[in-house]
Each structure stands twice: as C-alpha cells, then as structure tokens.
Protein backbone atom coordinates (compact mmCIF):
# COMPACT_ATOMS: atom_id res chain seq x y z
CA MET A 1 147.95 15.35 -131.45
CA GLY A 2 145.78 16.78 -128.65
CA ALA A 3 142.59 16.01 -130.61
CA ALA A 4 143.67 12.40 -131.16
CA VAL A 5 144.34 11.93 -127.44
CA SER A 6 140.97 13.48 -126.61
CA ALA A 7 139.24 11.06 -128.89
CA ILE A 8 141.07 7.95 -127.70
CA ALA A 9 141.21 8.65 -123.92
CA PRO A 10 137.49 7.96 -123.15
CA ARG A 11 137.75 4.64 -124.91
CA VAL A 12 140.59 3.63 -122.58
CA ILE A 13 139.89 5.37 -119.35
CA ILE A 14 136.15 4.70 -119.03
CA PRO A 15 136.30 0.94 -119.74
CA SER A 16 139.41 0.65 -117.52
CA PHE A 17 137.50 2.18 -114.59
CA PHE A 18 134.46 -0.18 -114.89
CA ILE A 19 136.66 -3.25 -115.61
CA GLY A 20 138.86 -2.40 -112.59
CA GLN A 21 135.78 -2.23 -110.37
CA ARG A 22 134.56 -5.61 -111.63
CA ILE A 23 137.83 -7.34 -111.03
CA LYS A 24 138.01 -5.87 -107.51
CA GLN A 25 134.61 -7.48 -106.73
CA GLY A 26 136.11 -10.89 -107.53
CA GLY A 27 134.46 -13.93 -109.04
CA SER A 28 135.50 -16.63 -111.41
CA TYR A 29 137.57 -15.81 -114.42
CA ASP A 30 134.85 -16.58 -116.89
CA THR A 31 132.29 -14.31 -115.14
CA ILE A 32 134.88 -11.52 -115.07
CA ALA A 33 135.59 -12.07 -118.76
CA VAL A 34 131.87 -11.82 -119.59
CA SER A 35 131.53 -8.59 -117.47
CA VAL A 36 134.58 -7.07 -119.18
CA ALA A 37 133.21 -7.91 -122.60
CA PHE A 38 129.77 -6.31 -121.65
CA THR A 39 131.53 -3.14 -120.42
CA ILE A 40 133.75 -2.73 -123.52
CA PHE A 41 130.81 -3.44 -125.85
CA PHE A 42 128.73 -0.81 -124.06
CA ILE A 43 131.44 1.80 -124.34
CA THR A 44 132.12 0.91 -127.97
CA THR A 45 128.40 1.19 -128.75
CA VAL A 46 128.18 4.71 -127.34
CA THR A 47 131.43 5.94 -128.95
CA THR A 48 130.60 4.37 -132.29
CA ALA A 49 127.14 5.96 -132.33
CA PHE A 50 128.90 9.43 -132.50
CA SER A 51 131.48 8.36 -135.07
CA LYS A 52 131.56 8.87 -138.85
CA SER A 53 129.66 5.50 -139.31
CA PRO A 54 127.10 5.55 -136.48
CA TRP A 55 125.08 2.62 -137.96
CA LEU A 56 128.01 0.34 -137.08
CA ALA A 57 127.08 0.83 -133.43
CA VAL A 58 124.40 -1.79 -134.00
CA ILE A 59 127.02 -4.50 -133.94
CA PRO A 60 128.61 -3.87 -130.50
CA GLY A 61 125.09 -2.86 -129.31
CA ILE A 62 123.69 -6.33 -130.07
CA ALA A 63 126.76 -7.95 -128.47
CA CYS A 64 126.33 -5.69 -125.42
CA LEU A 65 122.74 -6.94 -124.99
CA ALA A 66 123.76 -10.60 -125.48
CA TYR A 67 126.61 -10.38 -122.90
CA SER A 68 124.26 -8.67 -120.43
CA GLN A 69 122.06 -11.80 -120.63
CA ILE A 70 125.02 -14.16 -120.47
CA ASN A 71 126.25 -12.33 -117.40
CA ALA A 72 122.81 -12.81 -115.84
CA ASN A 73 122.57 -16.47 -116.68
CA LEU A 74 125.85 -18.10 -117.62
CA GLU A 75 124.12 -21.51 -118.01
CA LYS A 76 122.28 -20.23 -121.13
CA SER A 77 125.42 -18.74 -122.68
CA ASP A 78 125.18 -20.91 -125.80
CA ARG A 79 121.70 -19.57 -126.59
CA TRP A 80 122.63 -15.91 -126.22
CA ARG A 81 126.06 -16.23 -127.83
CA HIS A 82 124.57 -17.84 -130.93
CA SER A 83 121.79 -15.27 -130.95
CA ASP A 84 124.40 -12.56 -130.99
CA TRP A 85 126.38 -14.27 -133.75
CA LEU A 86 123.24 -14.83 -135.81
CA LEU A 87 122.67 -11.05 -135.97
CA THR A 88 126.15 -9.55 -135.77
CA THR A 89 128.22 -11.78 -138.04
CA PRO A 90 126.03 -11.23 -141.14
CA LEU A 91 126.23 -7.51 -140.43
CA MET A 92 129.95 -7.63 -140.08
CA LEU A 93 130.38 -9.62 -143.24
CA ALA A 94 127.93 -7.40 -145.20
CA ALA A 95 129.78 -4.27 -144.02
CA ILE A 96 133.12 -5.56 -145.17
CA LEU A 97 131.84 -6.67 -148.59
CA TYR A 98 129.89 -3.47 -149.08
CA ALA A 99 132.93 -1.41 -148.33
CA ASN A 100 134.70 -3.40 -151.09
CA ASP A 101 131.86 -2.66 -153.65
CA VAL A 102 130.87 -6.33 -153.86
CA PRO A 103 127.52 -6.72 -155.80
CA LEU A 104 124.38 -7.08 -153.68
CA GLU A 105 123.56 -10.53 -154.86
CA VAL A 106 126.95 -11.83 -153.82
CA ILE A 107 126.59 -10.11 -150.38
CA LEU A 108 123.21 -11.79 -149.89
CA GLY A 109 124.69 -15.15 -150.83
CA MET A 110 127.46 -14.82 -148.38
CA VAL A 111 125.08 -13.72 -145.67
CA ALA A 112 123.07 -16.88 -146.32
CA CYS A 113 126.22 -18.91 -145.86
CA ASP A 114 126.96 -17.08 -142.63
CA ILE A 115 123.51 -17.69 -141.21
CA LEU A 116 123.77 -21.46 -142.14
CA MET A 117 127.11 -21.59 -140.38
CA ILE A 118 125.73 -20.12 -137.14
CA VAL A 119 122.53 -22.16 -137.20
CA ALA A 120 124.56 -25.36 -137.79
CA GLY A 121 126.85 -24.47 -134.91
CA TYR A 122 123.94 -23.95 -132.54
CA LEU A 123 122.19 -27.13 -133.59
CA GLY A 124 125.49 -28.94 -132.95
CA THR A 125 125.52 -27.74 -129.36
CA LYS A 126 122.00 -29.14 -128.82
CA ALA A 127 122.43 -32.48 -130.55
CA THR A 128 122.45 -35.45 -128.16
CA ASP A 129 124.25 -37.80 -130.52
CA ARG A 130 127.98 -37.25 -130.97
CA THR A 131 127.92 -38.22 -134.63
CA GLU A 132 125.05 -35.78 -135.33
CA SER A 133 126.91 -33.03 -133.53
CA LYS A 134 129.98 -33.63 -135.66
CA GLY A 135 127.77 -33.56 -138.74
CA TYR A 136 126.52 -30.14 -137.87
CA PHE A 137 130.10 -29.02 -137.21
CA ALA A 138 131.12 -30.24 -140.73
CA LEU A 139 128.11 -28.37 -142.21
CA GLY A 140 129.22 -25.21 -140.47
CA ILE A 141 132.78 -25.54 -141.81
CA LEU A 142 131.43 -26.08 -145.37
CA ALA A 143 129.32 -22.92 -145.02
CA PHE A 144 132.38 -21.02 -143.70
CA ALA A 145 134.57 -22.03 -146.74
CA PRO A 146 133.01 -19.68 -149.33
CA ILE A 147 133.13 -16.79 -146.74
CA VAL A 148 136.86 -17.36 -146.40
CA ALA A 149 137.27 -17.48 -150.15
CA ILE A 150 135.49 -14.19 -150.84
CA LEU A 151 137.13 -12.30 -147.98
CA LEU A 152 140.54 -13.32 -149.39
CA GLN A 153 139.59 -11.64 -152.66
CA GLN A 154 138.92 -8.26 -151.10
CA THR A 155 141.39 -5.41 -151.74
CA LYS A 156 139.99 -2.57 -149.52
CA ASN A 157 140.18 -2.31 -145.73
CA LYS A 158 142.66 -5.20 -145.72
CA LEU A 159 143.38 -4.81 -142.03
CA VAL A 160 139.76 -5.50 -141.14
CA VAL A 161 139.57 -8.32 -143.63
CA TYR A 162 142.61 -10.09 -142.25
CA LEU A 163 141.56 -9.42 -138.65
CA THR A 164 138.08 -10.93 -139.28
CA LEU A 165 139.57 -13.93 -141.08
CA ALA A 166 142.13 -14.58 -138.34
CA VAL A 167 139.62 -14.34 -135.44
CA TRP A 168 136.68 -16.17 -137.18
CA SER A 169 139.11 -19.00 -138.06
CA LEU A 170 139.71 -19.59 -134.37
CA TYR A 171 136.04 -20.16 -133.51
CA PRO A 172 135.82 -23.69 -134.93
CA GLY A 173 138.79 -24.76 -132.84
CA ILE A 174 137.23 -23.41 -129.67
CA TYR A 175 133.89 -24.91 -130.63
CA TRP A 176 135.55 -28.35 -131.12
CA ALA A 177 137.37 -28.05 -127.81
CA GLU A 178 134.14 -27.31 -125.95
CA GLU A 179 131.99 -29.94 -127.66
CA PHE A 180 134.32 -32.88 -128.27
CA THR A 181 137.17 -32.57 -125.69
CA THR A 182 137.46 -32.30 -121.92
CA VAL A 183 138.35 -28.56 -121.91
CA ASP A 184 136.45 -26.82 -119.11
CA LYS A 185 133.69 -24.60 -120.45
CA LYS A 186 134.89 -21.65 -118.32
CA TYR A 187 137.98 -21.52 -120.52
CA THR A 188 136.01 -21.55 -123.81
CA THR A 189 133.80 -18.83 -122.30
CA ILE A 190 136.86 -16.68 -121.77
CA ALA A 191 138.14 -17.42 -125.31
CA TYR A 192 134.84 -16.52 -126.88
CA ALA A 193 134.60 -13.24 -124.96
CA VAL A 194 138.10 -12.26 -126.05
CA MET A 195 137.53 -13.21 -129.68
CA ASP A 196 134.17 -11.46 -129.80
CA LEU A 197 135.80 -8.30 -128.52
CA VAL A 198 138.69 -8.37 -130.91
CA ALA A 199 136.52 -9.09 -133.95
CA LYS A 200 133.65 -6.66 -133.27
CA VAL A 201 135.54 -3.78 -131.63
CA GLY A 202 138.26 -4.09 -134.17
CA LEU A 203 135.84 -3.93 -137.09
CA VAL A 204 133.86 -0.88 -135.97
CA ASN A 205 137.09 1.06 -135.23
CA LEU A 206 138.97 0.07 -138.39
CA LEU A 207 136.30 -0.23 -141.09
CA HIS A 208 135.98 2.76 -143.38
CA ILE A 209 132.85 2.94 -145.55
C-alpha cells in the first residue's frame, strides 16, 4: 500500500502545484487549459520515462512540446495541434495493436489510415471553400472508419482500447463545431486539451506491452 501511494503521489502532487500556480496567475480559460495540459504532459513524460515501458514517454513528450508552442502562440494552435496528432496518434494506435499481437502489415495499414485522417483534418482547417472543407472532413471520417473497426476487434488491454475509441470519437464533433458552427474557438481549445490529456495520459498509464 505504501509503495503504491509513493508511486502515485508525485503524479498528483507535482502537477497540482504547477497547475495551482498557473490558475492563480489568471488568464482566459483556454490559455489556462493549454498551460495545464503542458504541465501534465511534462510530468507524465518524466514519470513514464522511468516506468516499465519507457519508450511510451515519447507520446506525452511530443504533446508536451506541441502544447508549449501552442501556449506561446495560441493563434497557430491548429498547426501545432495537428503536428502533435500526426506523430502521436499513429504511435498510440501502433502501440495498442502491437500489444494485441496484430500483424505488422495490418499495423502499417492502420497507421496509413491514421495519417490520412490527420492530414485531411488539417487541410480542412486551411480550405477557404466551405464545400472543400466538408469534403476533407468526410475523407477524414472515411479514414477513421477502419481504425474503429480494427480496435473493436482487439481483446487485450480492453480498457485502453475503449478509452481510445471513446475519446477519438469525440474529435470529429469538436472539429465540426469549430469549423462549421458559431462555437467560440476558446471552447474547442479547452475541449481538445482535455481530450488530448485523457487519451494520451490514459494510454501511457494503462497500456501493458
């Protein structure tokens, strides 16, 4: 029991201290959310580097770097967020499939679908024509479909699989709200930060390879 508390305490106390300091400094909710995400990703990177699967630290490490750039220039958040996803989501997907003993050729096929999904999403944010943007959105959804299908087939690390499916399924809705409705971008920034944290921190803490 004491050992478990000693292992968990730094992951709770240290982020809480830095997050508390950031909130005390004030600022808009979206900038606070980005700062909180950066802090938690940083702590997760360090703790994961000393875990049984240290290579998984690459995932929160990339996210930490991306959020540091978003924090420095919120106007360019789309660029850095998609750069993060372009690198981390294939790693996350590959890690889950590898842990389930999926053949390499299938993993590579799913990684290709993942990359197509992220690239289509980014191009959609840059398209000036609304119809073109919706076309890229549809392409991203089509690329996401086989990823959903293969994750539903996995039998190991089910908690990670279901967590990933649940969180990743929310991204298209937030994307649509930001691109095609009047929802303020600061709210989607907060939503993305929360979802990124849940998906990535959840995976590196729950995945057993």
